[in-house]
C-alpha atoms as a PDB file:
ATOM      1  CA  MET A   1       1.826   4.511 -26.267  1.00  0.00           C
ATOM      2  CA  LYS A   2       4.018   5.694 -23.401  1.00  0.00           C
ATOM      3  CA  PRO A   3       5.917   2.988 -21.477  1.00  0.00           C
ATOM      4  CA  LYS A   4       4.936   2.442 -17.845  1.00  0.00           C
ATOM      5  CA  GLU A   5       7.295   3.697 -15.201  1.00  0.00           C
ATOM      6  CA  ARG A   6       7.969   2.158 -11.827  1.00  0.00           C
ATOM      7  CA  MET A   7       8.004   4.300  -8.760  1.00  0.00           C
ATOM      8  CA  TYR A   8       9.716   3.193  -5.560  1.00  0.00           C
ATOM      9  CA  ILE A   9       8.803   4.604  -2.185  1.00  0.00           C
ATOM     10  CA  ASP A  10      11.479   4.539   0.498  1.00  0.00           C
ATOM     11  CA  ALA A  11       9.855   4.203   3.925  1.00  0.00           C
ATOM     12  CA  LYS A  12      12.839   2.948   5.933  1.00  0.00           C
ATOM     13  CA  ASN A  13      12.889   5.966   8.200  1.00  0.00           C
ATOM     14  CA  GLU A  14       9.165   6.075   8.857  1.00  0.00           C
ATOM     15  CA  GLN A  15       8.128   5.604  12.463  1.00  0.00           C
ATOM     16  CA  PHE A  16       5.199   3.317  13.287  1.00  0.00           C
ATOM     17  CA  GLN A  17       2.899   5.245  15.594  1.00  0.00           C
ATOM     18  CA  LEU A  18       0.850   3.384  18.148  1.00  0.00           C
ATOM     19  CA  LYS A  19      -1.378   6.258  19.169  1.00  0.00           C
ATOM     20  CA  GLY A  20      -4.804   5.115  20.200  1.00  0.00           C
ATOM     21  CA  THR A  21      -3.894   1.544  21.139  1.00  0.00           C
ATOM     22  CA  LYS A  22      -6.028  -0.123  23.773  1.00  0.00           C
ATOM     23  CA  GLU A  23      -6.473  -3.554  25.311  1.00  0.00           C
ATOM     24  CA  VAL A  24      -9.600  -5.573  25.853  1.00  0.00           C
ATOM     25  CA  CYS A  25      -9.887  -8.900  27.684  1.00  0.00           C
ATOM     26  CA  TYR A  26     -12.224 -11.767  26.918  1.00  0.00           C
ATOM     27  CA  LEU A  27     -12.988 -14.948  28.802  1.00  0.00           C
ATOM     28  CA  ILE A  28     -13.465 -17.652  26.189  1.00  0.00           C
ATOM     29  CA  LYS A  29     -14.139 -21.253  27.183  1.00  0.00           C
ATOM     30  CA  GLY A  30     -11.865 -23.850  25.608  1.00  0.00           C
ATOM     31  CA  VAL A  31      -9.328 -21.304  24.409  1.00  0.00           C
ATOM     32  CA  ASP A  32      -6.536 -23.884  24.627  1.00  0.00           C
ATOM     33  CA  GLU A  33      -8.006 -25.852  21.705  1.00  0.00           C
ATOM     34  CA  ASN A  34      -6.596 -25.154  18.246  1.00  0.00           C
ATOM     35  CA  THR A  35     -10.034 -24.809  16.653  1.00  0.00           C
ATOM     36  CA  ILE A  36     -11.002 -22.056  19.090  1.00  0.00           C
ATOM     37  CA  LYS A  37      -7.674 -20.273  18.536  1.00  0.00           C
ATOM     38  CA  GLN A  38      -8.258 -20.408  14.789  1.00  0.00           C
ATOM     39  CA  ARG A  39     -11.775 -18.985  15.180  1.00  0.00           C
ATOM     40  CA  ILE A  40     -10.429 -16.103  17.273  1.00  0.00           C
ATOM     41  CA  TYR A  41      -7.765 -15.308  14.703  1.00  0.00           C
ATOM     42  CA  ASP A  42     -10.203 -15.616  11.802  1.00  0.00           C
ATOM     43  CA  SER A  43     -12.609 -13.243  13.556  1.00  0.00           C
ATOM     44  CA  VAL A  44     -10.370 -10.363  14.533  1.00  0.00           C
ATOM     45  CA  GLY A  45      -6.760 -11.270  13.760  1.00  0.00           C
ATOM     46  CA  ILE A  46      -6.309  -9.057  10.740  1.00  0.00           C
ATOM     47  CA  HIS A  47      -7.663  -5.968  12.547  1.00  0.00           C
ATOM     48  CA  THR A  48      -5.613  -6.268  15.758  1.00  0.00           C
ATOM     49  CA  LEU A  49      -2.012  -5.621  16.737  1.00  0.00           C
ATOM     50  CA  ARG A  50      -1.607  -8.546  19.149  1.00  0.00           C
ATOM     51  CA  ILE A  51      -3.641 -11.467  20.483  1.00  0.00           C
ATOM     52  CA  GLU A  52      -2.354 -12.962  23.730  1.00  0.00           C
ATOM     53  CA  ILE A  53      -3.891 -16.197  24.995  1.00  0.00           C
ATOM     54  CA  VAL A  54      -3.625 -17.298  28.636  1.00  0.00           C
ATOM     55  CA  PRO A  55      -4.892 -20.902  28.636  1.00  0.00           C
ATOM     56  CA  SER A  56      -4.771 -21.411  32.428  1.00  0.00           C
ATOM     57  CA  SER A  57      -7.370 -18.695  33.050  1.00  0.00           C
ATOM     58  CA  GLU A  58      -9.114 -18.990  29.639  1.00  0.00           C
ATOM     59  CA  LYS A  59      -8.347 -15.313  29.060  1.00  0.00           C
ATOM     60  CA  VAL A  60      -7.643 -13.650  25.719  1.00  0.00           C
ATOM     61  CA  ILE A  61      -6.004 -10.213  25.773  1.00  0.00           C
ATOM     62  CA  ILE A  62      -6.369  -8.312  22.510  1.00  0.00           C
ATOM     63  CA  THR A  63      -4.346  -5.182  21.743  1.00  0.00           C
ATOM     64  CA  TYR A  64      -5.977  -3.087  19.054  1.00  0.00           C
ATOM     65  CA  ASN A  65      -5.918   0.354  17.503  1.00  0.00           C
ATOM     66  CA  GLU A  66      -9.179   2.143  18.194  1.00  0.00           C
ATOM     67  CA  ASN A  67      -9.106   3.673  14.708  1.00  0.00           C
ATOM     68  CA  PHE A  68      -9.345   0.235  13.057  1.00  0.00           C
ATOM     69  CA  ILE A  69     -11.698  -1.838  15.235  1.00  0.00           C
ATOM     70  CA  SER A  70     -13.876  -1.483  18.327  1.00  0.00           C
ATOM     71  CA  PRO A  71     -14.723  -3.976  21.093  1.00  0.00           C
ATOM     72  CA  THR A  72     -18.340  -3.976  19.953  1.00  0.00           C
ATOM     73  CA  PHE A  73     -17.274  -5.069  16.472  1.00  0.00           C
ATOM     74  CA  MET A  74     -15.083  -7.793  18.029  1.00  0.00           C
ATOM     75  CA  ASP A  75     -18.139  -9.019  19.951  1.00  0.00           C
ATOM     76  CA  TYR A  76     -20.090  -9.106  16.707  1.00  0.00           C
ATOM     77  CA  ARG A  77     -17.344 -11.078  14.921  1.00  0.00           C
ATOM     78  CA  PHE A  78     -17.068 -13.575  17.810  1.00  0.00           C
ATOM     79  CA  ASN A  79     -20.835 -14.088  17.702  1.00  0.00           C
ATOM     80  CA  LEU A  80     -20.663 -14.769  13.954  1.00  0.00           C
ATOM     81  CA  LYS A  81     -18.018 -17.469  14.566  1.00  0.00           C
ATOM     82  CA  GLY A  82     -20.102 -19.068  17.335  1.00  0.00           C
ATOM     83  CA  LEU A  83     -17.711 -18.341  20.205  1.00  0.00           C
ATOM     84  CA  SER A  84     -19.082 -18.145  23.744  1.00  0.00           C
ATOM     85  CA  PHE A  85     -17.307 -15.285  25.484  1.00  0.00           C
ATOM     86  CA  LYS A  86     -17.521 -12.662  28.179  1.00  0.00           C
ATOM     87  CA  ARG A  87     -15.781  -9.307  27.888  1.00  0.00           C
ATOM     88  CA  GLU A  88     -14.127  -7.929  31.020  1.00  0.00           C
ATOM     89  CA  GLU A  89     -11.818  -5.115  32.103  1.00  0.00           C
ATOM     90  CA  CYS A  90      -8.089  -5.788  31.672  1.00  0.00           C
ATOM     91  CA  LYS A  91      -6.073  -5.592  34.856  1.00  0.00           C
END
């Protein structure tokens, strides 16, 4: 039986490409509560690049890569978690 070999991949010089990144804004009531923040993260957190919460206006700005997730799928995930939301254009 041949012994297993380890292979190391050096990716220090690789550049992270953000082609195809977009932003979508949601109005979510009660976004300043920790339970709502956790629901948002549980819904789409792993698929997005950044989630920015503005509690004063109850706005959530999500930066995502269009190759990984779409706004329609985010809507679906928010509905599964029972969040009441309204999608709007980011300004």
